[in-house]
C-alpha atoms as a PDB file:
ATOM      1  CA  MET A   1      -7.853  -7.806   5.676  1.00  0.00           C
ATOM      2  CA  THR A   2     -11.047  -7.213   7.587  1.00  0.00           C
ATOM      3  CA  PRO A   3     -13.182  -4.036   7.312  1.00  0.00           C
ATOM      4  CA  GLU A   4     -11.377  -2.318  10.036  1.00  0.00           C
ATOM      5  CA  THR A   5      -7.643  -3.023   8.550  1.00  0.00           C
ATOM      6  CA  CYS A   6      -9.115  -1.908   5.315  1.00  0.00           C
ATOM      7  CA  CYS A   7      -9.831   1.359   7.002  1.00  0.00           C
ATOM      8  CA  LEU A   8      -6.354   1.374   8.497  1.00  0.00           C
ATOM      9  CA  PHE A   9      -4.977   0.775   5.095  1.00  0.00           C
ATOM     10  CA  ILE A  10      -6.929   3.668   3.448  1.00  0.00           C
ATOM     11  CA  LYS A  11      -5.798   6.035   6.154  1.00  0.00           C
ATOM     12  CA  GLY A  12      -2.284   4.988   5.584  1.00  0.00           C
ATOM     13  CA  ALA A  13      -2.319   5.354   1.829  1.00  0.00           C
ATOM     14  CA  THR A  14      -4.569   8.409   1.829  1.00  0.00           C
ATOM     15  CA  GLY A  15      -4.498  10.123   5.257  1.00  0.00           C
ATOM     16  CA  GLU A  16      -8.320  10.057   5.007  1.00  0.00           C
ATOM     17  CA  SER A  17     -10.075   8.542   8.104  1.00  0.00           C
ATOM     18  CA  CYS A  18     -13.026   6.147   7.326  1.00  0.00           C
ATOM     19  CA  VAL A  19     -15.173   3.538   9.171  1.00  0.00           C
ATOM     20  CA  PRO A  20     -16.201  -0.062   8.324  1.00  0.00           C
ATOM     21  CA  SER A  21     -19.331   1.072   7.206  1.00  0.00           C
ATOM     22  CA  ASP A  22     -17.977   3.340   4.678  1.00  0.00           C
ATOM     23  CA  GLU A  23     -19.266   2.896   1.255  1.00  0.00           C
ATOM     24  CA  ARG A  24     -15.718   2.387  -0.141  1.00  0.00           C
ATOM     25  CA  ILE A  25     -15.108  -0.522   2.107  1.00  0.00           C
ATOM     26  CA  LYS A  26     -18.522  -2.160   1.460  1.00  0.00           C
ATOM     27  CA  THR A  27     -18.085  -1.697  -2.389  1.00  0.00           C
ATOM     28  CA  HIS A  28     -14.449  -3.013  -2.030  1.00  0.00           C
ATOM     29  CA  PHE A  29     -15.737  -6.131  -0.173  1.00  0.00           C
ATOM     30  CA  GLU A  30     -18.454  -6.549  -2.623  1.00  0.00           C
ATOM     31  CA  LEU A  31     -16.069  -6.736  -5.642  1.00  0.00           C
ATOM     32  CA  TYR A  32     -13.067  -8.503  -4.072  1.00  0.00           C
ATOM     33  CA  ASP A  33     -14.236 -10.653  -1.241  1.00  0.00           C
ATOM     34  CA  SER A  34     -14.868 -13.507  -3.789  1.00  0.00           C
ATOM     35  CA  ASN A  35     -15.885 -16.191  -1.095  1.00  0.00           C
ATOM     36  CA  LYS A  36     -17.942 -13.776   0.789  1.00  0.00           C
ATOM     37  CA  ASP A  37     -16.287 -14.919   4.147  1.00  0.00           C
ATOM     38  CA  GLY A  38     -16.090 -10.882   5.332  1.00  0.00           C
ATOM     39  CA  LEU A  39     -12.370 -11.043   4.700  1.00  0.00           C
ATOM     40  CA  ILE A  40     -10.077  -9.853   1.818  1.00  0.00           C
ATOM     41  CA  GLU A  41      -7.723 -12.668   1.368  1.00  0.00           C
ATOM     42  CA  ARG A  42      -3.970 -12.212  -0.110  1.00  0.00           C
ATOM     43  CA  SER A  43      -5.082 -13.644  -3.369  1.00  0.00           C
ATOM     44  CA  GLU A  44      -8.123 -11.297  -3.553  1.00  0.00           C
ATOM     45  CA  PHE A  45      -5.969  -8.305  -2.355  1.00  0.00           C
ATOM     46  CA  LEU A  46      -3.411  -9.067  -4.936  1.00  0.00           C
ATOM     47  CA  ALA A  47      -6.081  -9.066  -7.699  1.00  0.00           C
ATOM     48  CA  PHE A  48      -7.380  -5.743  -6.619  1.00  0.00           C
ATOM     49  CA  TYR A  49      -3.841  -4.110  -6.481  1.00  0.00           C
ATOM     50  CA  GLU A  50      -3.145  -5.590  -9.892  1.00  0.00           C
ATOM     51  CA  LEU A  51      -6.275  -4.300 -11.544  1.00  0.00           C
ATOM     52  CA  LYS A  52      -5.641  -0.798  -9.881  1.00  0.00           C
ATOM     53  CA  SER A  53      -1.964  -0.730 -10.853  1.00  0.00           C
ATOM     54  CA  ARG A  54      -3.169  -1.278 -14.503  1.00  0.00           C
ATOM     55  CA  THR A  55      -5.882   1.432 -14.498  1.00  0.00           C
ATOM     56  CA  ASN A  56      -4.547   3.811 -11.908  1.00  0.00           C
ATOM     57  CA  GLU A  57      -0.718   3.457 -11.942  1.00  0.00           C
ATOM     58  CA  ASN A  58      -0.075   6.863 -10.461  1.00  0.00           C
ATOM     59  CA  VAL A  59      -2.562   6.498  -7.392  1.00  0.00           C
ATOM     60  CA  VAL A  60      -0.962   3.099  -6.504  1.00  0.00           C
ATOM     61  CA  ARG A  61       2.637   4.424  -6.851  1.00  0.00           C
ATOM     62  CA  GLU A  62       1.654   7.563  -4.717  1.00  0.00           C
ATOM     63  CA  ASN A  63      -0.353   5.032  -2.152  1.00  0.00           C
ATOM     64  CA  LEU A  64       3.015   2.717  -1.948  1.00  0.00           C
ATOM     65  CA  LYS A  65       4.963   5.879  -1.313  1.00  0.00           C
ATOM     66  CA  HIS A  66       2.661   6.521   1.694  1.00  0.00           C
ATOM     67  CA  HIS A  67       3.283   3.305   3.028  1.00  0.00           C
ATOM     68  CA  ASN A  68       7.026   3.844   2.695  1.00  0.00           C
ATOM     69  CA  VAL A  69       7.646   1.476  -0.432  1.00  0.00           C
ATOM     70  CA  ARG A  70       9.847   3.116  -3.043  1.00  0.00           C
ATOM     71  CA  TYR A  71       9.342   3.192  -6.769  1.00  0.00           C
ATOM     72  CA  ASP A  72      11.344   0.208  -7.200  1.00  0.00           C
ATOM     73  CA  LEU A  73       9.092  -1.641  -4.571  1.00  0.00           C
ATOM     74  CA  LYS A  74      11.701  -2.066  -2.158  1.00  0.00           C
ATOM     75  CA  LYS A  75      10.353  -1.201   1.362  1.00  0.00           C
ATOM     76  CA  LEU A  76      12.291   1.728   2.922  1.00  0.00           C
ATOM     77  CA  SER A  77      12.648  -0.183   6.169  1.00  0.00           C
ATOM     78  CA  GLU A  78      14.499  -2.992   4.385  1.00  0.00           C
ATOM     79  CA  VAL A  79      16.867  -0.736   2.186  1.00  0.00           C
ATOM     80  CA  LYS A  80      20.328  -0.535   3.195  1.00  0.00           C
ATOM     81  CA  GLU A  81      22.851   2.171   2.005  1.00  0.00           C
ATOM     82  CA  GLU A  82      23.678   0.878  -1.344  1.00  0.00           C
ATOM     83  CA  GLU A  83      26.699   3.045  -1.752  1.00  0.00           C
ATOM     84  CA  SER A  84      29.696   2.795   0.730  1.00  0.00           C
ATOM     85  CA  PHE A  85      31.395   5.834   1.331  1.00  0.00           C
ATOM     86  CA  GLU A  86      34.832   6.574   3.133  1.00  0.00           C
ATOM     87  CA  ALA A  87      34.638   9.508   5.599  1.00  0.00           C
ATOM     88  CA  GLN A  88      37.310  11.545   3.568  1.00  0.00           C
ATOM     89  CA  ASP A  89      34.610  11.018   0.634  1.00  0.00           C
ATOM     90  CA  MET A  90      32.007  12.988   2.434  1.00  0.00           C
ATOM     91  CA  PRO A  91      31.344  16.516   1.710  1.00  0.00           C
ATOM     92  CA  ARG A  92      31.615  17.711   5.417  1.00  0.00           C
ATOM     93  CA  PHE A  93      35.108  15.850   5.784  1.00  0.00           C
END
């Protein structure tokens, strides 16, 4: 994740626009870019998300919802109808 893609993540999760020079982005990279290469790698991102899910569960769940991830952590785009109904079983039949 670059500072630019971090901005996109924030916008997707909160609807707030930001720029790479935003203090939230700078702080995030200071805390989680452990090798200081200017990128948040997957392991660093997961460490961040694990910490936040333990301390701010409701915020994390709301952010996931805005990214189309269900409460059971399934992406909406990957979910198929879990029930199968016959046409005659439907209310409008």
